Amino acid sequence: MAKKKKKNAAGQKRQENLKWEVAKDLNLADDLRRGGDDLTVKEAGKIGGNVTRRLVEKGKKTLREEE
């Protein structure tokens, strides 16, 4: 049986902050603040895609700095 990973509260908080930052940049923070029910699938995808892009960029930057 696979081990369950413990949830990292600090990491979750950083990810949540990043989601809000992206939503604000896309002018979708008001919709997200209301629970996200007003977001279309396309808008939610934009937030998720931008969060992923920023995380990948951050990872690449970290790898370059380690070289």
Protein backbone atom coordinates (compact mmCIF):
# COMPACT_ATOMS: atom_id res chain seq x y z
CA MET A 1 0.00 0.00 0.00
CA ALA A 2 1.28 3.46 -0.87
CA LYS A 3 2.21 5.85 1.91
CA LYS A 4 0.08 8.94 2.32
CA LYS A 5 2.00 12.15 2.01
CA LYS A 6 1.63 14.62 4.85
CA LYS A 7 0.17 17.90 3.75
CA ASN A 8 2.59 20.77 3.92
CA ALA A 9 0.62 23.72 5.30
CA ALA A 10 3.25 26.28 4.27
CA GLY A 11 3.38 24.91 0.72
CA GLN A 12 -0.39 24.92 0.46
CA LYS A 13 -0.49 28.53 1.65
CA ARG A 14 2.10 29.56 -0.98
CA GLN A 15 0.12 27.78 -3.69
CA GLU A 16 -3.10 29.46 -2.57
CA ASN A 17 -1.37 32.86 -2.63
CA LEU A 18 -0.08 32.14 -6.14
CA LYS A 19 -3.59 31.23 -7.29
CA TRP A 20 -4.94 34.54 -5.99
CA GLU A 21 -2.06 36.47 -7.55
CA VAL A 22 -2.78 34.89 -10.95
CA ALA A 23 -6.53 35.48 -10.60
CA LYS A 24 -5.85 39.14 -9.81
CA ASP A 25 -3.57 39.46 -12.86
CA LEU A 26 -6.34 38.00 -15.04
CA ASN A 27 -9.01 40.24 -13.47
CA LEU A 28 -10.80 37.17 -12.10
CA ALA A 29 -10.22 37.72 -8.38
CA ASP A 30 -13.76 39.00 -7.78
CA ASP A 31 -15.28 35.86 -9.29
CA LEU A 32 -12.90 33.66 -7.29
CA ARG A 33 -13.67 35.59 -4.10
CA ARG A 34 -17.36 34.71 -4.50
CA GLY A 35 -16.45 31.04 -4.26
CA GLY A 36 -15.51 30.45 -7.85
CA ASP A 37 -19.05 29.49 -8.87
CA ASP A 38 -19.11 32.40 -11.34
CA LEU A 39 -15.96 31.20 -13.11
CA THR A 40 -16.35 29.47 -16.43
CA VAL A 41 -14.34 26.34 -17.15
CA LYS A 42 -12.20 28.41 -19.49
CA GLU A 43 -11.46 31.01 -16.78
CA ALA A 44 -10.64 28.36 -14.19
CA GLY A 45 -8.36 26.72 -16.75
CA LYS A 46 -6.59 30.01 -17.36
CA ILE A 47 -5.89 30.35 -13.64
CA GLY A 48 -4.65 26.77 -13.36
CA GLY A 49 -2.55 27.02 -16.51
CA ASN A 50 -0.90 30.23 -15.39
CA VAL A 51 -0.20 28.81 -11.93
CA THR A 52 1.44 25.79 -13.58
CA ARG A 53 3.46 27.99 -15.93
CA ARG A 54 4.76 30.08 -13.04
CA LEU A 55 5.68 27.00 -11.03
CA VAL A 56 7.58 25.54 -14.01
CA GLU A 57 9.40 28.84 -14.56
CA LYS A 58 10.32 28.96 -10.87
CA GLY A 59 11.62 25.38 -11.05
CA LYS A 60 13.70 26.08 -14.15
CA LYS A 61 15.17 29.16 -12.50
CA THR A 62 16.10 27.12 -9.45
CA LEU A 63 17.78 24.47 -11.61
CA ARG A 64 19.77 27.12 -13.51
CA GLU A 65 20.95 28.63 -10.23
CA GLU A 66 22.16 25.21 -9.03
CA GLU A 67 24.37 24.72 -12.10
